[in-house]
Amino acid sequence: TVSKKLSLRAFTGLNWNNFDFDFGNGIGNGFETRFPRISPAFSEYLNSSEYLEYLRLRALNPNDPNNFPPNEPPLDPGRGTQFDLQAGFTYKPVDPLNISFDYTKSKLTRYDTDKAAFDANIVTLRSTYQFTRFIFARTRIDYNSLRSNVSGQMLLGWNPSPGTALYVGYNDNFNYNGFNPYTGQLEPRFERNNRTFFIRASYLFRKSF
């Protein structure tokens, strides 16, 4: 804690002999994932004459129904080193307002190929303003580099008593140069996945029937 208004936090670590199970990582379609398989067996497959011939024919006629990629090799798990980092701060410029920022990084590099099985960066920004004892407003923005996804939420809440609450909110979800979560297709720009407006209420009955 730096002061009453600002506090900092951080953590870092290295883990040896973590497993990559050779599934690939990140949303995508076929080989167009953010982090495709990187095992030696799959690297040999991508450089095989059969696969290169498949690519050549696909370039000539992308719609050829008889041109199929050769069968992929079996999964080839391997060990690697995983690096983790977490850092963030909380800032409270005035009593009703609270702002927090968090950054998380996780990267696994295989020993046998020296390639990254995944490299994820997650950023979260949150703020809360307490108008009164019972009424508050909250905003949140999240970014995930593995999915190239940005999501946000705005929420207005009223909690007059324990068990009684009313929430009005809005959610939005975008991709930027990412893969559609429903089709797996690459979308080379900002694309909205969905947005939602919601109202939620709850009431606690304190009398037995």
C-alpha atoms as a PDB file:
ATOM      1  CA  THR A   1       0.000   0.000   0.000  1.00  0.00           C
ATOM      2  CA  VAL A   2       1.539   3.288  -1.141  1.00  0.00           C
ATOM      3  CA  SER A   3      -1.018   5.542   0.544  1.00  0.00           C
ATOM      4  CA  LYS A   4      -4.650   5.573   1.639  1.00  0.00           C
ATOM      5  CA  LYS A   5      -5.581   6.425  -1.949  1.00  0.00           C
ATOM      6  CA  LEU A   6      -3.282   4.066  -3.867  1.00  0.00           C
ATOM      7  CA  SER A   7      -2.306   0.438  -3.391  1.00  0.00           C
ATOM      8  CA  LEU A   8      -0.132  -1.702  -5.680  1.00  0.00           C
ATOM      9  CA  ARG A   9       0.124  -5.483  -6.087  1.00  0.00           C
ATOM     10  CA  ALA A  10       2.344  -7.772  -8.153  1.00  0.00           C
ATOM     11  CA  PHE A  11       3.270 -11.433  -8.506  1.00  0.00           C
ATOM     12  CA  THR A  12       5.551 -13.303 -10.885  1.00  0.00           C
ATOM     13  CA  GLY A  13       6.621 -16.914 -11.176  1.00  0.00           C
ATOM     14  CA  LEU A  14       8.266 -19.576 -13.343  1.00  0.00           C
ATOM     15  CA  ASN A  15       7.028 -23.156 -13.530  1.00  0.00           C
ATOM     16  CA  TRP A  16       9.257 -25.789 -15.086  1.00  0.00           C
ATOM     17  CA  ASN A  17       8.112 -29.024 -16.744  1.00  0.00           C
ATOM     18  CA  ASN A  18       4.555 -27.836 -17.352  1.00  0.00           C
ATOM     19  CA  PHE A  19       2.717 -29.825 -20.006  1.00  0.00           C
ATOM     20  CA  ASP A  20       1.485 -28.664 -23.386  1.00  0.00           C
ATOM     21  CA  PHE A  21      -1.068 -31.287 -24.428  1.00  0.00           C
ATOM     22  CA  ASP A  22      -0.764 -30.324 -28.114  1.00  0.00           C
ATOM     23  CA  PHE A  23      -4.383 -29.262 -28.583  1.00  0.00           C
ATOM     24  CA  GLY A  24      -3.577 -25.747 -29.788  1.00  0.00           C
ATOM     25  CA  ASN A  25      -4.917 -22.666 -28.016  1.00  0.00           C
ATOM     26  CA  GLY A  26      -7.300 -19.862 -28.869  1.00  0.00           C
ATOM     27  CA  ILE A  27     -10.564 -19.764 -30.776  1.00  0.00           C
ATOM     28  CA  GLY A  28     -10.281 -20.489 -34.471  1.00  0.00           C
ATOM     29  CA  ASN A  29     -11.162 -22.746 -37.342  1.00  0.00           C
ATOM     30  CA  GLY A  30      -8.775 -25.523 -38.322  1.00  0.00           C
ATOM     31  CA  PHE A  31      -5.160 -24.302 -38.379  1.00  0.00           C
ATOM     32  CA  GLU A  32      -6.177 -20.638 -38.136  1.00  0.00           C
ATOM     33  CA  THR A  33      -6.109 -20.598 -34.349  1.00  0.00           C
ATOM     34  CA  ARG A  34      -4.257 -17.935 -32.416  1.00  0.00           C
ATOM     35  CA  PHE A  35      -1.751 -20.569 -31.255  1.00  0.00           C
ATOM     36  CA  PRO A  36      -1.890 -23.749 -33.367  1.00  0.00           C
ATOM     37  CA  ARG A  37      -0.245 -27.026 -32.381  1.00  0.00           C
ATOM     38  CA  ILE A  38       3.551 -26.675 -32.119  1.00  0.00           C
ATOM     39  CA  SER A  39       4.720 -30.223 -31.400  1.00  0.00           C
ATOM     40  CA  PRO A  40       7.546 -31.736 -33.513  1.00  0.00           C
ATOM     41  CA  ALA A  41       5.076 -34.204 -35.032  1.00  0.00           C
ATOM     42  CA  PHE A  42       2.721 -31.441 -36.140  1.00  0.00           C
ATOM     43  CA  SER A  43       5.590 -29.299 -37.466  1.00  0.00           C
ATOM     44  CA  GLU A  44       6.695 -32.238 -39.626  1.00  0.00           C
ATOM     45  CA  TYR A  45       3.119 -32.654 -40.801  1.00  0.00           C
ATOM     46  CA  LEU A  46       2.910 -29.009 -41.928  1.00  0.00           C
ATOM     47  CA  ASN A  47       6.132 -29.460 -43.943  1.00  0.00           C
ATOM     48  CA  SER A  48       5.159 -32.808 -45.450  1.00  0.00           C
ATOM     49  CA  SER A  49       4.788 -33.161 -49.215  1.00  0.00           C
ATOM     50  CA  GLU A  50       1.163 -34.297 -48.790  1.00  0.00           C
ATOM     51  CA  TYR A  51       0.172 -31.190 -46.872  1.00  0.00           C
ATOM     52  CA  LEU A  52       2.081 -28.850 -49.201  1.00  0.00           C
ATOM     53  CA  GLU A  53       0.307 -30.455 -52.162  1.00  0.00           C
ATOM     54  CA  TYR A  54      -3.024 -29.896 -50.438  1.00  0.00           C
ATOM     55  CA  LEU A  55      -2.170 -26.197 -50.006  1.00  0.00           C
ATOM     56  CA  ARG A  56      -1.142 -25.908 -53.659  1.00  0.00           C
ATOM     57  CA  LEU A  57      -4.414 -27.400 -54.879  1.00  0.00           C
ATOM     58  CA  ARG A  58      -6.442 -25.269 -52.486  1.00  0.00           C
ATOM     59  CA  ALA A  59      -4.755 -22.126 -53.843  1.00  0.00           C
ATOM     60  CA  LEU A  60      -5.689 -23.179 -57.382  1.00  0.00           C
ATOM     61  CA  ASN A  61      -9.281 -24.057 -56.515  1.00  0.00           C
ATOM     62  CA  PRO A  62     -10.431 -23.160 -52.987  1.00  0.00           C
ATOM     63  CA  ASN A  63     -13.852 -24.732 -53.609  1.00  0.00           C
ATOM     64  CA  ASP A  64     -12.668 -28.133 -54.831  1.00  0.00           C
ATOM     65  CA  PRO A  65     -14.865 -30.625 -52.890  1.00  0.00           C
ATOM     66  CA  ASN A  66     -12.381 -33.451 -53.467  1.00  0.00           C
ATOM     67  CA  ASN A  67      -9.355 -31.700 -51.971  1.00  0.00           C
ATOM     68  CA  PHE A  68      -8.986 -32.677 -48.319  1.00  0.00           C
ATOM     69  CA  PRO A  69      -6.024 -32.099 -45.996  1.00  0.00           C
ATOM     70  CA  PRO A  70      -4.148 -35.260 -44.987  1.00  0.00           C
ATOM     71  CA  ASN A  71      -4.934 -36.760 -41.604  1.00  0.00           C
ATOM     72  CA  GLU A  72      -3.288 -34.942 -38.722  1.00  0.00           C
ATOM     73  CA  PRO A  73      -0.726 -36.799 -36.608  1.00  0.00           C
ATOM     74  CA  PRO A  74      -1.674 -38.012 -33.108  1.00  0.00           C
ATOM     75  CA  LEU A  75      -1.294 -35.632 -30.201  1.00  0.00           C
ATOM     76  CA  ASP A  76       2.332 -35.161 -29.183  1.00  0.00           C
ATOM     77  CA  PRO A  77       2.409 -33.622 -25.672  1.00  0.00           C
ATOM     78  CA  GLY A  78       5.604 -32.026 -24.438  1.00  0.00           C
ATOM     79  CA  ARG A  79       7.032 -30.221 -21.447  1.00  0.00           C
ATOM     80  CA  GLY A  80       7.929 -26.570 -21.228  1.00  0.00           C
ATOM     81  CA  THR A  81       8.448 -23.544 -19.009  1.00  0.00           C
ATOM     82  CA  GLN A  82       5.485 -21.416 -18.012  1.00  0.00           C
ATOM     83  CA  PHE A  83       5.936 -17.768 -17.062  1.00  0.00           C
ATOM     84  CA  ASP A  84       3.198 -16.039 -15.041  1.00  0.00           C
ATOM     85  CA  LEU A  85       2.851 -12.384 -14.128  1.00  0.00           C
ATOM     86  CA  GLN A  86       0.109 -10.552 -12.262  1.00  0.00           C
ATOM     87  CA  ALA A  87       0.184  -6.834 -11.528  1.00  0.00           C
ATOM     88  CA  GLY A  88      -2.335  -4.171 -10.688  1.00  0.00           C
ATOM     89  CA  PHE A  89      -3.361  -1.222  -8.588  1.00  0.00           C
ATOM     90  CA  THR A  90      -6.369   0.200  -6.787  1.00  0.00           C
ATOM     91  CA  TYR A  91      -6.892   3.960  -6.705  1.00  0.00           C
ATOM     92  CA  LYS A  92      -9.426   5.774  -4.532  1.00  0.00           C
ATOM     93  CA  PRO A  93      -9.221   9.509  -5.368  1.00  0.00           C
ATOM     94  CA  VAL A  94     -12.349  10.315  -3.322  1.00  0.00           C
ATOM     95  CA  ASP A  95     -14.346   8.197  -0.888  1.00  0.00           C
ATOM     96  CA  PRO A  96     -17.235   7.276  -3.237  1.00  0.00           C
ATOM     97  CA  LEU A  97     -14.993   6.332  -6.201  1.00  0.00           C
ATOM     98  CA  ASN A  98     -12.879   3.193  -6.492  1.00  0.00           C
ATOM     99  CA  ILE A  99     -10.797   2.384  -9.601  1.00  0.00           C
ATOM    100  CA  SER A 100      -8.798  -0.809 -10.083  1.00  0.00           C
ATOM    101  CA  PHE A 101      -6.596  -2.123 -12.880  1.00  0.00           C
ATOM    102  CA  ASP A 102      -5.263  -5.667 -13.255  1.00  0.00           C
ATOM    103  CA  TYR A 103      -2.921  -7.242 -15.801  1.00  0.00           C
ATOM    104  CA  THR A 104      -2.261 -10.977 -16.088  1.00  0.00           C
ATOM    105  CA  LYS A 105       0.218 -12.668 -18.427  1.00  0.00           C
ATOM    106  CA  SER A 106       0.749 -16.391 -18.876  1.00  0.00           C
ATOM    107  CA  LYS A 107       3.090 -17.944 -21.459  1.00  0.00           C
ATOM    108  CA  LEU A 108       4.144 -21.560 -21.991  1.00  0.00           C
ATOM    109  CA  THR A 109       7.211 -22.288 -24.160  1.00  0.00           C
ATOM    110  CA  ARG A 110       7.976 -25.886 -25.151  1.00  0.00           C
ATOM    111  CA  TYR A 111      11.478 -27.290 -24.705  1.00  0.00           C
ATOM    112  CA  ASP A 112      11.546 -29.403 -27.872  1.00  0.00           C
ATOM    113  CA  THR A 113      10.542 -26.693 -30.370  1.00  0.00           C
ATOM    114  CA  ASP A 114      11.229 -23.487 -28.381  1.00  0.00           C
ATOM    115  CA  LYS A 115       7.831 -22.200 -29.541  1.00  0.00           C
ATOM    116  CA  ALA A 116       4.995 -20.702 -27.505  1.00  0.00           C
ATOM    117  CA  ALA A 117       2.089 -23.064 -26.889  1.00  0.00           C
ATOM    118  CA  PHE A 118       0.145 -20.009 -25.721  1.00  0.00           C
ATOM    119  CA  ASP A 119       0.808 -16.423 -24.713  1.00  0.00           C
ATOM    120  CA  ALA A 120      -2.205 -14.913 -22.971  1.00  0.00           C
ATOM    121  CA  ASN A 121      -2.525 -11.304 -21.825  1.00  0.00           C
ATOM    122  CA  ILE A 122      -5.621 -10.329 -19.853  1.00  0.00           C
ATOM    123  CA  VAL A 123      -6.396  -6.733 -18.871  1.00  0.00           C
ATOM    124  CA  THR A 124      -9.244  -5.720 -16.557  1.00  0.00           C
ATOM    125  CA  LEU A 125     -10.313  -2.177 -15.650  1.00  0.00           C
ATOM    126  CA  ARG A 126     -13.045  -1.689 -13.032  1.00  0.00           C
ATOM    127  CA  SER A 127     -14.584   1.344 -11.386  1.00  0.00           C
ATOM    128  CA  THR A 128     -17.334   1.740  -8.796  1.00  0.00           C
ATOM    129  CA  TYR A 129     -19.038   4.917  -7.608  1.00  0.00           C
ATOM    130  CA  GLN A 130     -21.153   4.787  -4.449  1.00  0.00           C
ATOM    131  CA  PHE A 131     -23.753   7.570  -4.784  1.00  0.00           C
ATOM    132  CA  THR A 132     -25.453   6.755  -1.483  1.00  0.00           C
ATOM    133  CA  ARG A 133     -25.399   3.899   0.992  1.00  0.00           C
ATOM    134  CA  PHE A 134     -27.848   1.995  -1.224  1.00  0.00           C
ATOM    135  CA  ILE A 135     -27.163   3.182  -4.800  1.00  0.00           C
ATOM    136  CA  PHE A 136     -24.017   2.518  -6.821  1.00  0.00           C
ATOM    137  CA  ALA A 137     -22.771   2.476 -10.420  1.00  0.00           C
ATOM    138  CA  ARG A 138     -20.157   0.070 -11.745  1.00  0.00           C
ATOM    139  CA  THR A 139     -18.248  -0.221 -15.030  1.00  0.00           C
ATOM    140  CA  ARG A 140     -15.910  -2.975 -16.167  1.00  0.00           C
ATOM    141  CA  ILE A 141     -13.792  -3.552 -19.299  1.00  0.00           C
ATOM    142  CA  ASP A 142     -11.929  -6.804 -20.037  1.00  0.00           C
ATOM    143  CA  TYR A 143      -9.452  -7.598 -22.819  1.00  0.00           C
ATOM    144  CA  ASN A 144      -8.187 -11.098 -23.654  1.00  0.00           C
ATOM    145  CA  SER A 145      -5.366 -11.296 -26.212  1.00  0.00           C
ATOM    146  CA  LEU A 146      -5.770 -15.061 -26.703  1.00  0.00           C
ATOM    147  CA  ARG A 147      -9.255 -14.459 -28.075  1.00  0.00           C
ATOM    148  CA  SER A 148      -8.632 -10.872 -29.281  1.00  0.00           C
ATOM    149  CA  ASN A 149     -11.787 -10.063 -27.366  1.00  0.00           C
ATOM    150  CA  VAL A 150     -13.000  -6.926 -25.577  1.00  0.00           C
ATOM    151  CA  SER A 151     -16.031  -7.025 -23.297  1.00  0.00           C
ATOM    152  CA  GLY A 152     -17.623  -4.324 -21.191  1.00  0.00           C
ATOM    153  CA  GLN A 153     -20.377  -3.907 -18.653  1.00  0.00           C
ATOM    154  CA  MET A 154     -22.195  -0.940 -17.116  1.00  0.00           C
ATOM    155  CA  LEU A 155     -24.357  -1.581 -14.068  1.00  0.00           C
ATOM    156  CA  LEU A 156     -26.581   0.569 -11.848  1.00  0.00           C
ATOM    157  CA  GLY A 157     -27.594  -1.067  -8.573  1.00  0.00           C
ATOM    158  CA  TRP A 158     -29.970  -0.353  -5.709  1.00  0.00           C
ATOM    159  CA  ASN A 159     -29.725  -2.388  -2.465  1.00  0.00           C
ATOM    160  CA  PRO A 160     -32.110  -0.887   0.092  1.00  0.00           C
ATOM    161  CA  SER A 161     -31.853  -3.874   2.451  1.00  0.00           C
ATOM    162  CA  PRO A 162     -30.192  -7.306   2.642  1.00  0.00           C
ATOM    163  CA  GLY A 163     -31.848  -9.650   0.150  1.00  0.00           C
ATOM    164  CA  THR A 164     -33.580  -6.843  -1.752  1.00  0.00           C
ATOM    165  CA  ALA A 165     -31.926  -5.476  -4.880  1.00  0.00           C
ATOM    166  CA  LEU A 166     -32.588  -3.986  -8.295  1.00  0.00           C
ATOM    167  CA  TYR A 167     -29.979  -3.990 -11.069  1.00  0.00           C
ATOM    168  CA  VAL A 168     -30.084  -2.333 -14.487  1.00  0.00           C
ATOM    169  CA  GLY A 169     -27.188  -3.112 -16.794  1.00  0.00           C
ATOM    170  CA  TYR A 170     -25.720  -3.293 -20.273  1.00  0.00           C
ATOM    171  CA  ASN A 171     -23.174  -5.798 -21.636  1.00  0.00           C
ATOM    172  CA  ASP A 172     -21.200  -5.485 -24.879  1.00  0.00           C
ATOM    173  CA  ASN A 173     -18.750  -7.904 -26.492  1.00  0.00           C
ATOM    174  CA  PHE A 174     -16.351  -7.267 -29.415  1.00  0.00           C
ATOM    175  CA  ASN A 175     -13.585  -8.997 -31.317  1.00  0.00           C
ATOM    176  CA  TYR A 176     -10.682  -7.093 -32.876  1.00  0.00           C
ATOM    177  CA  ASN A 177      -8.742  -9.019 -35.514  1.00  0.00           C
ATOM    178  CA  GLY A 178      -9.976 -12.139 -33.767  1.00  0.00           C
ATOM    179  CA  PHE A 179     -11.989 -15.278 -34.405  1.00  0.00           C
ATOM    180  CA  ASN A 180     -15.767 -15.425 -34.241  1.00  0.00           C
ATOM    181  CA  PRO A 181     -16.702 -17.504 -31.151  1.00  0.00           C
ATOM    182  CA  TYR A 182     -19.583 -19.156 -33.025  1.00  0.00           C
ATOM    183  CA  THR A 183     -18.083 -19.907 -36.456  1.00  0.00           C
ATOM    184  CA  GLY A 184     -14.330 -19.827 -35.727  1.00  0.00           C
ATOM    185  CA  GLN A 185     -13.770 -17.584 -38.773  1.00  0.00           C
ATOM    186  CA  LEU A 186     -11.158 -14.804 -38.706  1.00  0.00           C
ATOM    187  CA  GLU A 187     -12.680 -11.306 -38.533  1.00  0.00           C
ATOM    188  CA  PRO A 188      -9.977  -8.742 -39.486  1.00  0.00           C
ATOM    189  CA  ARG A 189     -11.557  -5.687 -37.812  1.00  0.00           C
ATOM    190  CA  PHE A 190     -13.875  -4.727 -34.971  1.00  0.00           C
ATOM    191  CA  GLU A 191     -16.870  -7.068 -34.916  1.00  0.00           C
ATOM    192  CA  ARG A 192     -19.592  -7.153 -32.280  1.00  0.00           C
ATOM    193  CA  ASN A 193     -20.431 -10.612 -30.973  1.00  0.00           C
ATOM    194  CA  ASN A 194     -23.423  -9.625 -28.866  1.00  0.00           C
ATOM    195  CA  ARG A 195     -24.858  -6.956 -26.614  1.00  0.00           C
ATOM    196  CA  THR A 196     -27.405  -7.290 -23.848  1.00  0.00           C
ATOM    197  CA  PHE A 197     -29.571  -4.931 -21.819  1.00  0.00           C
ATOM    198  CA  PHE A 198     -30.921  -6.474 -18.638  1.00  0.00           C
ATOM    199  CA  ILE A 199     -32.958  -5.753 -15.510  1.00  0.00           C
ATOM    200  CA  ARG A 200     -32.724  -8.027 -12.489  1.00  0.00           C
ATOM    201  CA  ALA A 201     -34.629  -7.770  -9.237  1.00  0.00           C
ATOM    202  CA  SER A 202     -34.712  -9.818  -6.051  1.00  0.00           C
ATOM    203  CA  TYR A 203     -36.712  -9.644  -2.846  1.00  0.00           C
ATOM    204  CA  LEU A 204     -36.262 -11.632   0.343  1.00  0.00           C
ATOM    205  CA  PHE A 205     -39.512 -12.610   2.059  1.00  0.00           C
ATOM    206  CA  ARG A 206     -38.943 -12.484   5.802  1.00  0.00           C
ATOM    207  CA  LYS A 207     -42.260 -14.000   6.920  1.00  0.00           C
ATOM    208  CA  SER A 208     -43.064 -17.691   6.920  1.00  0.00           C
ATOM    209  CA  PHE A 209     -46.214 -18.938   5.223  1.00  0.00           C
END
